[in-house]
């Protein structure tokens, strides 16, 4: 089944004309590849008016660039989602341009509330979010794979181990969000004197897990920054 037919079943209308989108909608989402965006903005610029709210998901394109390529005073916001948005468990951040006010920020936040966590941030945080959460989903998958493989090594079937690893991560994340506690406090609550957890944590510390993950976030953030400058 093609995307168009699926969209029509859900009540979505599709068009091959970008200007038609501007004529029919006030909230317009830009979700192109970075190298395509300038051409799209040049095409739609004549149709952009003060009633439009333009939301860009395009990586590496700053609010300053968006505002330069659109009419002066256009209400522009920049949004950075992550993959789990597709299962309504995303982590998203957005920043507003100089023309966008509280009304537009609230509109975007309300619109995205069903997709997961959505926070307004300074634009400088967007590349950090990419390193923390956009790429961070992959770090979690790597950790989940390692957890499950450890259990397989000890004799548990792989499918069961993967399901338990996934549920362990889900439960730990939910406790962080719902309690608001620092992860170090939650971790300390699990450690009993001379128990299994502290023995395992000792091995993770010897493997420099925390430093390695911090380095990964730093590397991905710096890469996001350099891609934005290209």
N, C-alpha and C. Protein backbone atom coordinates (compact mmCIF):
# COMPACT_ATOMS: atom_id res chain seq x y z
N UNK A 1 0.85 -1.19 0.00
CA UNK A 1 0.00 0.00 0.00
C UNK A 1 0.88 1.24 0.00
N UNK A 2 0.64 2.15 -0.89
CA UNK A 2 1.46 3.34 -1.00
C UNK A 2 1.13 4.36 0.06
N UNK A 3 2.03 5.29 0.24
CA UNK A 3 1.84 6.32 1.26
C UNK A 3 0.63 7.19 0.95
N UNK A 4 0.42 7.49 -0.34
CA UNK A 4 -0.69 8.34 -0.72
C UNK A 4 -2.03 7.72 -0.34
N UNK A 5 -2.20 6.42 -0.64
CA UNK A 5 -3.46 5.75 -0.33
C UNK A 5 -3.68 5.67 1.17
N UNK A 6 -2.59 5.42 1.92
CA UNK A 6 -2.70 5.38 3.38
C UNK A 6 -3.12 6.74 3.91
N UNK A 7 -2.49 7.80 3.40
CA UNK A 7 -2.82 9.16 3.83
C UNK A 7 -4.26 9.51 3.55
N UNK A 8 -4.79 9.11 2.38
CA UNK A 8 -6.17 9.40 2.03
C UNK A 8 -7.13 8.69 2.97
N UNK A 9 -6.80 7.47 3.35
CA UNK A 9 -7.64 6.73 4.29
C UNK A 9 -7.71 7.43 5.64
N UNK A 10 -6.65 8.12 6.01
CA UNK A 10 -6.62 8.84 7.28
C UNK A 10 -7.17 10.25 7.17
N UNK A 11 -7.66 10.61 5.98
CA UNK A 11 -8.22 11.94 5.78
C UNK A 11 -7.20 12.98 5.38
N UNK A 12 -6.02 12.55 4.96
CA UNK A 12 -4.97 13.48 4.55
C UNK A 12 -5.09 13.78 3.06
N UNK A 13 -4.84 15.01 2.71
CA UNK A 13 -4.80 15.39 1.31
C UNK A 13 -3.35 15.58 0.90
N UNK A 14 -3.02 15.14 -0.28
CA UNK A 14 -1.65 15.30 -0.78
C UNK A 14 -1.66 16.14 -2.05
N UNK A 15 -0.54 16.78 -2.31
CA UNK A 15 -0.41 17.59 -3.51
C UNK A 15 1.04 17.62 -3.93
N UNK A 16 1.28 17.81 -5.20
CA UNK A 16 2.64 17.98 -5.71
C UNK A 16 3.02 19.45 -5.83
N UNK A 17 2.09 20.32 -5.41
CA UNK A 17 2.31 21.77 -5.55
C UNK A 17 2.53 22.40 -4.17
N UNK A 18 3.74 22.89 -3.95
CA UNK A 18 4.04 23.51 -2.66
C UNK A 18 3.22 24.76 -2.40
N UNK A 19 2.95 25.53 -3.45
CA UNK A 19 2.16 26.75 -3.27
C UNK A 19 0.74 26.44 -2.82
N UNK A 20 0.21 25.32 -3.28
CA UNK A 20 -1.15 24.93 -2.87
C UNK A 20 -1.20 24.69 -1.36
N UNK A 21 -0.12 24.16 -0.80
CA UNK A 21 -0.06 23.94 0.65
C UNK A 21 -0.21 25.27 1.38
N UNK A 22 0.49 26.28 0.90
CA UNK A 22 0.43 27.60 1.53
C UNK A 22 -0.95 28.21 1.43
N UNK A 23 -1.62 27.96 0.30
CA UNK A 23 -2.95 28.53 0.08
C UNK A 23 -4.00 27.88 0.97
N UNK A 24 -3.79 26.59 1.30
CA UNK A 24 -4.80 25.84 2.03
C UNK A 24 -4.52 25.74 3.53
N UNK A 25 -3.30 26.06 3.96
CA UNK A 25 -2.91 25.82 5.35
C UNK A 25 -2.28 27.07 5.96
N UNK A 26 -2.44 27.20 7.28
CA UNK A 26 -1.74 28.28 7.98
C UNK A 26 -0.49 27.75 8.69
N UNK A 27 -0.55 26.51 9.17
CA UNK A 27 0.63 25.88 9.79
C UNK A 27 1.31 25.02 8.73
N UNK A 28 2.54 25.38 8.40
CA UNK A 28 3.27 24.71 7.32
C UNK A 28 4.55 24.11 7.89
N UNK A 29 4.74 22.81 7.69
CA UNK A 29 5.91 22.12 8.21
C UNK A 29 6.88 21.82 7.07
N UNK A 30 8.12 22.27 7.23
CA UNK A 30 9.18 22.02 6.25
C UNK A 30 9.97 20.80 6.69
N UNK A 31 9.96 19.75 5.87
CA UNK A 31 10.66 18.50 6.23
C UNK A 31 11.39 17.97 5.00
N UNK A 32 12.33 18.76 4.51
CA UNK A 32 13.10 18.40 3.33
C UNK A 32 14.54 18.07 3.72
N UNK A 33 15.31 17.60 2.76
CA UNK A 33 16.76 17.50 2.94
C UNK A 33 17.33 18.93 2.95
N UNK A 34 18.42 19.16 3.72
CA UNK A 34 18.95 20.52 3.83
C UNK A 34 19.26 21.18 2.48
N UNK A 35 19.82 20.41 1.53
CA UNK A 35 20.23 21.04 0.26
C UNK A 35 19.03 21.41 -0.61
N UNK A 36 17.86 20.84 -0.31
CA UNK A 36 16.65 21.13 -1.09
C UNK A 36 15.93 22.37 -0.57
N UNK A 37 16.11 22.66 0.72
CA UNK A 37 15.30 23.69 1.37
C UNK A 37 15.37 25.07 0.73
N UNK A 38 16.57 25.60 0.39
CA UNK A 38 16.59 26.94 -0.20
C UNK A 38 15.70 27.08 -1.43
N UNK A 39 15.67 26.07 -2.28
CA UNK A 39 14.81 26.10 -3.47
C UNK A 39 13.35 26.11 -3.11
N UNK A 40 12.99 25.32 -2.09
CA UNK A 40 11.59 25.27 -1.63
C UNK A 40 11.18 26.63 -1.07
N UNK A 41 12.04 27.23 -0.27
CA UNK A 41 11.72 28.53 0.33
C UNK A 41 11.59 29.61 -0.74
N UNK A 42 12.44 29.55 -1.75
CA UNK A 42 12.34 30.51 -2.85
C UNK A 42 11.00 30.37 -3.57
N UNK A 43 10.55 29.12 -3.71
CA UNK A 43 9.28 28.84 -4.39
C UNK A 43 8.09 29.34 -3.60
N UNK A 44 8.09 29.11 -2.28
CA UNK A 44 6.90 29.44 -1.48
C UNK A 44 6.91 30.87 -0.96
N UNK A 45 8.06 31.53 -0.99
CA UNK A 45 8.19 32.88 -0.41
C UNK A 45 7.09 33.84 -0.83
N UNK A 46 6.73 33.90 -2.14
CA UNK A 46 5.70 34.86 -2.54
C UNK A 46 4.33 34.61 -1.89
N UNK A 47 4.08 33.38 -1.45
CA UNK A 47 2.77 33.03 -0.89
C UNK A 47 2.74 33.10 0.63
N UNK A 48 3.89 33.32 1.27
CA UNK A 48 3.95 33.35 2.74
C UNK A 48 3.46 34.69 3.25
N UNK A 49 2.48 34.62 4.16
CA UNK A 49 1.92 35.85 4.72
C UNK A 49 2.00 35.88 6.23
N UNK A 50 1.52 36.96 6.84
CA UNK A 50 1.60 37.10 8.30
C UNK A 50 0.75 36.09 9.07
N UNK A 51 -0.21 35.44 8.38
CA UNK A 51 -1.07 34.45 9.04
C UNK A 51 -0.41 33.07 9.09
N UNK A 52 0.69 32.88 8.36
CA UNK A 52 1.34 31.57 8.32
C UNK A 52 2.26 31.35 9.52
N UNK A 53 2.32 30.10 9.97
CA UNK A 53 3.31 29.66 10.96
C UNK A 53 4.16 28.59 10.27
N UNK A 54 5.45 28.86 10.13
CA UNK A 54 6.36 27.96 9.41
C UNK A 54 7.21 27.21 10.43
N UNK A 55 7.13 25.89 10.39
CA UNK A 55 7.90 25.04 11.31
C UNK A 55 8.89 24.22 10.50
N UNK A 56 10.18 24.36 10.80
CA UNK A 56 11.22 23.64 10.07
C UNK A 56 11.76 22.48 10.89
N UNK A 57 11.79 21.30 10.26
CA UNK A 57 12.42 20.12 10.85
C UNK A 57 13.78 19.86 10.21
N UNK A 58 14.25 20.78 9.40
CA UNK A 58 15.43 20.54 8.56
C UNK A 58 16.71 20.70 9.39
N UNK A 59 17.49 19.64 9.45
CA UNK A 59 18.71 19.64 10.25
C UNK A 59 19.72 20.65 9.73
N UNK A 60 20.34 21.38 10.64
CA UNK A 60 21.44 22.25 10.28
C UNK A 60 21.06 23.60 9.71
N UNK A 61 19.78 23.85 9.49
CA UNK A 61 19.35 25.15 8.94
C UNK A 61 18.86 26.01 10.10
N UNK A 62 19.58 27.11 10.35
CA UNK A 62 19.31 27.93 11.52
C UNK A 62 18.08 28.82 11.32
N UNK A 63 17.56 29.32 12.44
CA UNK A 63 16.46 30.28 12.37
C UNK A 63 16.87 31.52 11.60
N UNK A 64 18.13 31.93 11.76
CA UNK A 64 18.61 33.12 11.04
C UNK A 64 18.53 32.90 9.53
N UNK A 65 18.92 31.72 9.08
CA UNK A 65 18.84 31.40 7.65
C UNK A 65 17.40 31.35 7.17
N UNK A 66 16.55 30.69 7.95
CA UNK A 66 15.13 30.60 7.59
C UNK A 66 14.50 31.98 7.48
N UNK A 67 14.80 32.84 8.44
CA UNK A 67 14.23 34.19 8.44
C UNK A 67 14.76 35.03 7.28
N UNK A 68 16.01 34.77 6.90
CA UNK A 68 16.59 35.52 5.78
C UNK A 68 15.93 35.12 4.45
N UNK A 69 15.56 33.85 4.34
CA UNK A 69 15.00 33.35 3.08
C UNK A 69 13.48 33.47 2.99
N UNK A 70 12.85 33.94 4.06
CA UNK A 70 11.40 34.14 4.08
C UNK A 70 11.10 35.62 4.28
N UNK A 71 9.88 36.07 4.01
CA UNK A 71 9.55 37.48 4.19
C UNK A 71 9.81 37.96 5.62
N UNK A 72 10.19 39.21 5.75
CA UNK A 72 10.49 39.79 7.05
C UNK A 72 9.28 39.65 7.99
N UNK A 73 9.54 39.22 9.22
CA UNK A 73 8.48 39.09 10.20
C UNK A 73 7.73 37.77 10.19
N UNK A 74 8.11 36.86 9.28
CA UNK A 74 7.44 35.56 9.22
C UNK A 74 7.58 34.82 10.55
N UNK A 75 6.50 34.18 10.97
CA UNK A 75 6.51 33.40 12.21
C UNK A 75 7.18 32.06 11.92
N UNK A 76 8.41 31.92 12.40
CA UNK A 76 9.20 30.72 12.11
C UNK A 76 9.60 30.04 13.42
N UNK A 77 9.48 28.71 13.46
CA UNK A 77 9.98 27.92 14.58
C UNK A 77 10.81 26.77 14.03
N UNK A 78 11.78 26.35 14.80
CA UNK A 78 12.65 25.25 14.39
C UNK A 78 12.47 24.10 15.36
N UNK A 79 12.16 22.92 14.83
CA UNK A 79 11.83 21.76 15.65
C UNK A 79 12.80 20.62 15.36
N UNK A 80 13.24 19.94 16.41
CA UNK A 80 14.09 18.76 16.23
C UNK A 80 13.47 17.58 16.99
N UNK A 81 12.90 16.62 16.26
CA UNK A 81 12.31 15.44 16.89
C UNK A 81 13.33 14.31 16.98
N UNK A 82 12.89 13.14 17.42
CA UNK A 82 13.72 11.93 17.34
C UNK A 82 12.84 10.75 16.93
N UNK A 83 13.46 9.63 16.63
CA UNK A 83 12.76 8.50 16.02
C UNK A 83 11.57 7.97 16.82
N UNK A 84 11.64 7.88 18.17
CA UNK A 84 10.49 7.32 18.89
C UNK A 84 9.20 8.15 18.80
N UNK A 85 9.24 9.29 18.13
CA UNK A 85 7.99 10.02 17.86
C UNK A 85 6.99 9.13 17.13
N UNK A 86 7.50 8.17 16.34
CA UNK A 86 6.61 7.31 15.56
C UNK A 86 5.81 6.37 16.46
N UNK A 87 6.21 6.19 17.72
CA UNK A 87 5.45 5.37 18.66
C UNK A 87 4.96 6.23 19.84
N UNK A 88 4.82 7.53 19.59
CA UNK A 88 4.31 8.49 20.58
C UNK A 88 5.14 8.52 21.86
N UNK A 89 6.44 8.28 21.73
CA UNK A 89 7.34 8.34 22.88
C UNK A 89 8.58 9.14 22.53
N UNK A 90 8.39 10.19 21.74
CA UNK A 90 9.52 10.98 21.27
C UNK A 90 10.03 11.97 22.29
N UNK A 91 11.18 12.53 21.98
CA UNK A 91 11.74 13.65 22.73
C UNK A 91 12.03 14.74 21.71
N UNK A 92 11.32 15.86 21.84
CA UNK A 92 11.43 16.93 20.85
C UNK A 92 11.78 18.25 21.53
N UNK A 93 12.58 19.05 20.86
CA UNK A 93 12.82 20.41 21.31
C UNK A 93 12.55 21.36 20.15
N UNK A 94 12.14 22.58 20.50
CA UNK A 94 11.93 23.58 19.46
C UNK A 94 12.38 24.94 19.96
N UNK A 95 12.73 25.79 19.00
CA UNK A 95 13.11 27.17 19.29
C UNK A 95 12.32 28.08 18.37
N UNK A 96 11.99 29.25 18.86
CA UNK A 96 11.18 30.17 18.06
C UNK A 96 12.04 31.29 17.47
N UNK A 97 11.68 31.70 16.28
CA UNK A 97 12.32 32.85 15.66
C UNK A 97 11.77 34.14 16.22
N UNK A 98 12.33 35.27 15.77
CA UNK A 98 11.96 36.56 16.33
C UNK A 98 10.51 36.94 16.04
N UNK A 99 9.94 36.38 14.96
CA UNK A 99 8.55 36.72 14.61
C UNK A 99 7.51 35.87 15.31
N UNK A 100 7.95 34.78 15.96
CA UNK A 100 7.02 33.85 16.60
C UNK A 100 6.86 34.21 18.07
N UNK A 101 5.63 34.19 18.54
CA UNK A 101 5.35 34.55 19.93
C UNK A 101 4.87 33.38 20.75
N UNK A 102 4.32 33.70 21.93
CA UNK A 102 3.83 32.66 22.83
C UNK A 102 2.71 31.84 22.20
N UNK A 103 1.87 32.50 21.40
CA UNK A 103 0.73 31.80 20.79
C UNK A 103 1.22 30.69 19.87
N UNK A 104 2.23 30.99 19.05
CA UNK A 104 2.76 29.99 18.12
C UNK A 104 3.49 28.87 18.86
N UNK A 105 4.23 29.24 19.92
CA UNK A 105 4.95 28.23 20.71
C UNK A 105 3.96 27.28 21.39
N UNK A 106 2.88 27.84 21.93
CA UNK A 106 1.85 27.01 22.58
C UNK A 106 1.15 26.11 21.57
N UNK A 107 0.86 26.66 20.40
CA UNK A 107 0.23 25.87 19.34
C UNK A 107 1.08 24.66 18.99
N UNK A 108 2.38 24.87 18.79
CA UNK A 108 3.27 23.78 18.41
C UNK A 108 3.38 22.75 19.54
N UNK A 109 3.49 23.25 20.77
CA UNK A 109 3.63 22.33 21.91
C UNK A 109 2.37 21.47 22.07
N UNK A 110 1.21 22.09 21.93
CA UNK A 110 -0.05 21.35 22.05
C UNK A 110 -0.19 20.33 20.92
N UNK A 111 0.21 20.73 19.73
CA UNK A 111 0.11 19.86 18.57
C UNK A 111 0.96 18.61 18.74
N UNK A 112 2.14 18.78 19.38
CA UNK A 112 3.10 17.68 19.50
C UNK A 112 2.99 16.90 20.80
N UNK A 113 2.09 17.33 21.68
CA UNK A 113 2.02 16.70 23.00
C UNK A 113 1.70 15.20 22.92
N UNK A 114 0.97 14.79 21.88
CA UNK A 114 0.63 13.37 21.74
C UNK A 114 1.80 12.54 21.23
N UNK A 115 2.87 13.21 20.79
CA UNK A 115 4.03 12.49 20.23
C UNK A 115 5.11 12.23 21.27
N UNK A 116 4.96 12.77 22.48
CA UNK A 116 5.96 12.56 23.51
C UNK A 116 6.34 13.85 24.22
N UNK A 117 7.53 13.88 24.78
CA UNK A 117 8.04 15.05 25.49
C UNK A 117 8.39 16.15 24.49
N UNK A 118 7.94 17.37 24.77
CA UNK A 118 8.25 18.49 23.88
C UNK A 118 8.62 19.70 24.73
N UNK A 119 9.83 20.21 24.53
CA UNK A 119 10.33 21.31 25.34
C UNK A 119 10.80 22.46 24.46
N UNK A 120 10.48 23.69 24.87
CA UNK A 120 11.04 24.86 24.19
C UNK A 120 12.42 25.15 24.76
N UNK A 121 13.39 25.42 23.89
CA UNK A 121 14.78 25.63 24.31
C UNK A 121 15.40 26.76 23.50
N UNK A 122 16.52 27.31 23.97
CA UNK A 122 17.31 28.20 23.11
C UNK A 122 17.81 27.41 21.90
N UNK A 123 17.95 28.09 20.77
CA UNK A 123 18.36 27.39 19.55
C UNK A 123 19.71 26.68 19.71
N UNK A 124 20.58 27.21 20.55
CA UNK A 124 21.90 26.60 20.74
C UNK A 124 21.81 25.19 21.32
N UNK A 125 20.67 24.84 21.93
CA UNK A 125 20.51 23.51 22.49
C UNK A 125 20.14 22.46 21.45
N UNK A 126 19.75 22.89 20.25
CA UNK A 126 19.22 21.93 19.27
C UNK A 126 20.29 20.93 18.85
N UNK A 127 21.51 21.38 18.63
CA UNK A 127 22.58 20.44 18.27
C UNK A 127 22.91 19.51 19.44
N UNK A 128 22.80 20.01 20.67
CA UNK A 128 23.03 19.16 21.83
C UNK A 128 21.94 18.09 21.91
N UNK A 129 20.70 18.50 21.63
CA UNK A 129 19.59 17.54 21.61
C UNK A 129 19.85 16.44 20.58
N UNK A 130 20.41 16.81 19.44
CA UNK A 130 20.75 15.82 18.42
C UNK A 130 21.73 14.80 18.97
N UNK A 131 22.76 15.27 19.68
CA UNK A 131 23.76 14.37 20.26
C UNK A 131 23.23 13.56 21.42
N UNK A 132 22.30 14.14 22.19
CA UNK A 132 21.74 13.48 23.36
C UNK A 132 20.62 12.51 23.00
N UNK A 133 19.70 12.96 22.17
CA UNK A 133 18.46 12.22 21.96
C UNK A 133 18.27 11.72 20.54
N UNK A 134 18.59 12.57 19.55
CA UNK A 134 18.45 12.12 18.16
C UNK A 134 19.34 10.92 17.89
N UNK A 135 20.63 11.07 18.16
CA UNK A 135 21.57 9.96 18.03
C UNK A 135 21.51 9.04 19.25
N UNK A 136 21.08 9.59 20.38
CA UNK A 136 21.09 8.84 21.63
C UNK A 136 20.23 7.59 21.61
N UNK A 137 19.18 7.59 20.79
CA UNK A 137 18.35 6.39 20.65
C UNK A 137 19.23 5.21 20.24
N UNK A 138 20.19 5.45 19.35
CA UNK A 138 21.09 4.38 18.90
C UNK A 138 21.99 3.90 20.03
N UNK A 139 22.41 4.81 20.92
CA UNK A 139 23.25 4.39 22.04
C UNK A 139 22.45 3.44 22.94
N UNK A 140 21.18 3.76 23.12
CA UNK A 140 20.32 2.93 23.97
C UNK A 140 20.12 1.55 23.34
N UNK A 141 19.95 1.52 22.02
CA UNK A 141 19.82 0.22 21.35
C UNK A 141 21.07 -0.63 21.53
N UNK A 142 22.23 0.03 21.46
CA UNK A 142 23.49 -0.69 21.65
C UNK A 142 23.57 -1.26 23.07
N UNK A 143 23.16 -0.45 24.04
CA UNK A 143 23.18 -0.88 25.44
C UNK A 143 22.17 -2.03 25.65
N UNK A 144 20.99 -1.90 25.03
CA UNK A 144 19.97 -2.95 25.16
C UNK A 144 20.47 -4.26 24.55
N UNK A 145 21.15 -4.16 23.43
CA UNK A 145 21.72 -5.35 22.78
C UNK A 145 22.74 -6.02 23.69
N UNK A 146 23.59 -5.19 24.32
CA UNK A 146 24.60 -5.73 25.23
C UNK A 146 23.97 -6.39 26.45
N UNK A 147 22.92 -5.75 27.00
CA UNK A 147 22.22 -6.35 28.14
C UNK A 147 21.69 -7.73 27.77
N UNK A 148 21.01 -7.80 26.63
CA UNK A 148 20.41 -9.07 26.22
C UNK A 148 21.48 -10.11 25.95
N UNK A 149 22.59 -9.71 25.32
CA UNK A 149 23.65 -10.67 25.01
C UNK A 149 24.30 -11.20 26.29
N UNK A 150 24.38 -10.35 27.31
CA UNK A 150 24.89 -10.81 28.59
C UNK A 150 24.02 -11.92 29.17
N UNK A 151 22.69 -11.74 29.04
CA UNK A 151 21.77 -12.76 29.54
C UNK A 151 21.85 -14.04 28.70
N UNK A 152 22.03 -13.87 27.38
CA UNK A 152 22.18 -15.04 26.50
C UNK A 152 23.43 -15.83 26.91
N UNK A 153 24.50 -15.10 27.20
CA UNK A 153 25.74 -15.75 27.64
C UNK A 153 25.51 -16.59 28.90
N UNK A 154 24.63 -16.11 29.75
CA UNK A 154 24.38 -16.82 31.00
C UNK A 154 23.31 -17.91 30.87
N UNK A 155 22.73 -18.04 29.63
CA UNK A 155 21.83 -19.16 29.39
C UNK A 155 20.38 -18.83 29.09
N UNK A 156 20.04 -17.56 28.95
CA UNK A 156 18.64 -17.20 28.65
C UNK A 156 18.43 -17.12 27.14
N UNK A 157 17.29 -17.57 26.61
CA UNK A 157 17.03 -17.45 25.18
C UNK A 157 17.01 -15.99 24.72
N UNK A 158 17.50 -15.76 23.49
CA UNK A 158 17.69 -14.40 22.99
C UNK A 158 16.42 -13.57 22.93
N UNK A 159 15.32 -14.15 22.43
CA UNK A 159 14.07 -13.40 22.31
C UNK A 159 13.57 -12.92 23.66
N UNK A 160 13.59 -13.79 24.63
CA UNK A 160 13.16 -13.43 25.99
C UNK A 160 14.08 -12.37 26.57
N UNK A 161 15.38 -12.54 26.39
CA UNK A 161 16.35 -11.58 26.92
C UNK A 161 16.13 -10.20 26.33
N UNK A 162 15.84 -10.12 25.03
CA UNK A 162 15.61 -8.82 24.37
C UNK A 162 14.36 -8.15 24.92
N UNK A 163 13.30 -8.93 25.12
CA UNK A 163 12.06 -8.35 25.64
C UNK A 163 12.26 -7.82 27.06
N UNK A 164 12.98 -8.59 27.88
CA UNK A 164 13.21 -8.15 29.25
C UNK A 164 14.13 -6.93 29.27
N UNK A 165 15.15 -6.90 28.40
CA UNK A 165 16.04 -5.73 28.33
C UNK A 165 15.24 -4.49 27.95
N UNK A 166 14.36 -4.61 26.95
CA UNK A 166 13.55 -3.46 26.52
C UNK A 166 12.65 -2.97 27.64
N UNK A 167 11.99 -3.90 28.33
CA UNK A 167 11.10 -3.52 29.43
C UNK A 167 11.88 -2.91 30.59
N UNK A 168 13.10 -3.37 30.81
CA UNK A 168 13.96 -2.81 31.86
C UNK A 168 14.28 -1.35 31.56
N UNK A 169 14.63 -1.06 30.31
CA UNK A 169 14.93 0.32 29.91
C UNK A 169 13.69 1.20 30.01
N UNK A 170 12.55 0.66 29.55
CA UNK A 170 11.30 1.41 29.60
C UNK A 170 10.92 1.74 31.04
N UNK A 171 11.02 0.76 31.93
CA UNK A 171 10.67 0.98 33.33
C UNK A 171 11.60 1.96 34.01
N UNK A 172 12.89 1.86 33.72
CA UNK A 172 13.86 2.78 34.33
C UNK A 172 13.61 4.21 33.87
N UNK A 173 13.32 4.38 32.59
CA UNK A 173 13.05 5.72 32.05
C UNK A 173 11.77 6.29 32.65
N UNK A 174 10.75 5.45 32.78
CA UNK A 174 9.48 5.90 33.35
C UNK A 174 9.66 6.35 34.79
N UNK A 175 10.47 5.63 35.56
CA UNK A 175 10.72 6.03 36.95
C UNK A 175 11.44 7.37 37.02
N UNK A 176 12.39 7.60 36.12
CA UNK A 176 13.08 8.90 36.08
C UNK A 176 12.10 10.04 35.83
N UNK A 177 11.22 9.85 34.83
CA UNK A 177 10.28 10.90 34.46
C UNK A 177 9.23 11.12 35.54
N UNK A 178 8.71 10.03 36.12
CA UNK A 178 7.59 10.16 37.05
C UNK A 178 8.02 10.57 38.45
N UNK A 179 9.23 10.20 38.87
CA UNK A 179 9.69 10.59 40.20
C UNK A 179 10.42 11.93 40.19
N UNK A 180 11.01 12.28 39.04
CA UNK A 180 11.81 13.50 38.97
C UNK A 180 13.12 13.40 39.72
N UNK A 181 13.46 12.21 40.18
CA UNK A 181 14.70 12.01 40.94
C UNK A 181 15.92 12.01 40.00
N UNK A 182 17.06 12.42 40.54
CA UNK A 182 18.31 12.32 39.80
C UNK A 182 18.62 10.83 39.59
N UNK A 183 19.11 10.45 38.41
CA UNK A 183 19.39 9.03 38.18
C UNK A 183 20.36 8.42 39.19
N UNK A 184 21.29 9.23 39.70
CA UNK A 184 22.22 8.70 40.71
C UNK A 184 21.48 8.27 41.97
N UNK A 185 20.43 9.02 42.33
CA UNK A 185 19.62 8.66 43.51
C UNK A 185 18.87 7.35 43.26
N UNK A 186 18.27 7.21 42.08
CA UNK A 186 17.55 5.99 41.76
C UNK A 186 18.49 4.79 41.70
N UNK A 187 19.66 5.01 41.13
CA UNK A 187 20.66 3.94 41.07
C UNK A 187 21.09 3.53 42.48
N UNK A 188 21.33 4.51 43.35
CA UNK A 188 21.74 4.22 44.72
C UNK A 188 20.69 3.43 45.49
N UNK A 189 19.41 3.68 45.18
CA UNK A 189 18.33 2.98 45.87
C UNK A 189 18.34 1.48 45.57
N UNK A 190 18.90 1.09 44.41
CA UNK A 190 18.91 -0.32 44.01
C UNK A 190 20.09 -1.06 44.64
N UNK A 191 21.13 -0.32 44.98
CA UNK A 191 22.36 -0.95 45.48
C UNK A 191 22.23 -1.31 46.96
N UNK A 192 22.24 -2.60 47.25
CA UNK A 192 22.29 -3.05 48.65
C UNK A 192 23.73 -3.43 48.97
N UNK A 193 24.15 -3.26 50.21
CA UNK A 193 25.54 -3.58 50.58
C UNK A 193 25.92 -5.01 50.22
N UNK A 194 26.99 -5.14 49.46
CA UNK A 194 27.48 -6.46 49.08
C UNK A 194 26.58 -7.20 48.12
N UNK A 195 25.62 -6.50 47.48
CA UNK A 195 24.66 -7.16 46.60
C UNK A 195 25.11 -7.26 45.15
N UNK A 196 24.22 -7.78 44.33
CA UNK A 196 24.56 -8.03 42.92
C UNK A 196 24.82 -6.74 42.14
N UNK A 197 24.03 -5.71 42.44
CA UNK A 197 24.09 -4.49 41.62
C UNK A 197 25.43 -3.78 41.76
N UNK A 198 25.93 -3.66 42.97
CA UNK A 198 27.20 -2.95 43.17
C UNK A 198 28.35 -3.71 42.53
N UNK A 199 28.28 -5.03 42.51
CA UNK A 199 29.30 -5.81 41.82
C UNK A 199 29.27 -5.52 40.32
N UNK A 200 28.06 -5.44 39.76
CA UNK A 200 27.92 -5.15 38.33
C UNK A 200 28.36 -3.72 38.01
N UNK A 201 27.97 -2.77 38.86
CA UNK A 201 28.34 -1.37 38.62
C UNK A 201 29.85 -1.19 38.68
N UNK A 202 30.53 -1.94 39.53
CA UNK A 202 31.98 -1.87 39.59
C UNK A 202 32.59 -2.21 38.23
N UNK A 203 32.04 -3.24 37.58
CA UNK A 203 32.54 -3.62 36.26
C UNK A 203 32.27 -2.52 35.23
N UNK A 204 31.10 -1.89 35.29
CA UNK A 204 30.78 -0.80 34.36
C UNK A 204 31.72 0.38 34.57
N UNK A 205 32.04 0.68 35.83
CA UNK A 205 32.98 1.77 36.12
C UNK A 205 34.37 1.44 35.59
N UNK A 206 34.79 0.19 35.74
CA UNK A 206 36.10 -0.20 35.21
C UNK A 206 36.14 -0.08 33.70
N UNK A 207 35.00 -0.28 33.06
CA UNK A 207 34.90 -0.13 31.61
C UNK A 207 34.68 1.30 31.16
N UNK A 208 34.66 2.24 32.12
CA UNK A 208 34.49 3.67 31.83
C UNK A 208 33.21 3.95 31.04
N UNK A 209 32.12 3.29 31.44
CA UNK A 209 30.85 3.47 30.72
C UNK A 209 30.42 4.93 30.69
N UNK A 210 30.44 5.61 31.84
CA UNK A 210 29.95 6.99 31.89
C UNK A 210 30.79 7.92 31.02
N UNK A 211 32.11 7.80 31.10
CA UNK A 211 32.98 8.66 30.29
C UNK A 211 32.79 8.39 28.80
N UNK A 212 32.60 7.12 28.45
CA UNK A 212 32.43 6.76 27.05
C UNK A 212 31.14 7.34 26.49
N UNK A 213 30.06 7.25 27.28
CA UNK A 213 28.78 7.80 26.82
C UNK A 213 28.85 9.32 26.72
N UNK A 214 29.49 9.97 27.69
CA UNK A 214 29.67 11.42 27.61
C UNK A 214 30.45 11.81 26.36
N UNK A 215 31.49 11.02 26.04
CA UNK A 215 32.26 11.28 24.82
C UNK A 215 31.41 11.11 23.57
N UNK A 216 30.49 10.13 23.59
CA UNK A 216 29.62 9.89 22.45
C UNK A 216 28.69 11.08 22.22
N UNK A 217 28.08 11.60 23.29
CA UNK A 217 27.20 12.77 23.18
C UNK A 217 27.98 13.97 22.66
N UNK A 218 29.19 14.15 23.17
CA UNK A 218 30.04 15.26 22.72
C UNK A 218 30.37 15.12 21.23
N UNK A 219 30.74 13.92 20.80
CA UNK A 219 31.12 13.69 19.41
C UNK A 219 29.95 13.95 18.47
N UNK A 220 28.76 13.46 18.84
CA UNK A 220 27.59 13.65 17.98
C UNK A 220 27.18 15.12 17.94
N UNK A 221 27.26 15.81 19.08
CA UNK A 221 26.93 17.24 19.12
C UNK A 221 27.88 18.03 18.24
N UNK A 222 29.17 17.77 18.36
CA UNK A 222 30.16 18.48 17.54
C UNK A 222 29.95 18.19 16.06
N UNK A 223 29.59 16.96 15.73
CA UNK A 223 29.31 16.63 14.33
C UNK A 223 28.08 17.38 13.82
N UNK A 224 27.06 17.49 14.65
CA UNK A 224 25.85 18.25 14.27
C UNK A 224 26.21 19.72 14.03
N UNK A 225 27.07 20.27 14.89
CA UNK A 225 27.49 21.67 14.73
C UNK A 225 28.27 21.86 13.44
N UNK A 226 29.17 20.93 13.15
CA UNK A 226 29.99 21.07 11.93
C UNK A 226 29.14 20.90 10.67
N UNK A 227 28.13 20.01 10.71
CA UNK A 227 27.25 19.83 9.57
C UNK A 227 26.44 21.11 9.32
N UNK A 228 26.06 21.80 10.40
CA UNK A 228 25.31 23.03 10.24
C UNK A 228 26.14 24.14 9.61
N UNK A 229 27.47 24.06 9.78
CA UNK A 229 28.36 25.09 9.22
C UNK A 229 28.73 24.84 7.78
N UNK A 230 28.52 23.57 7.32
CA UNK A 230 28.92 23.22 5.94
C UNK A 230 28.06 23.96 4.91
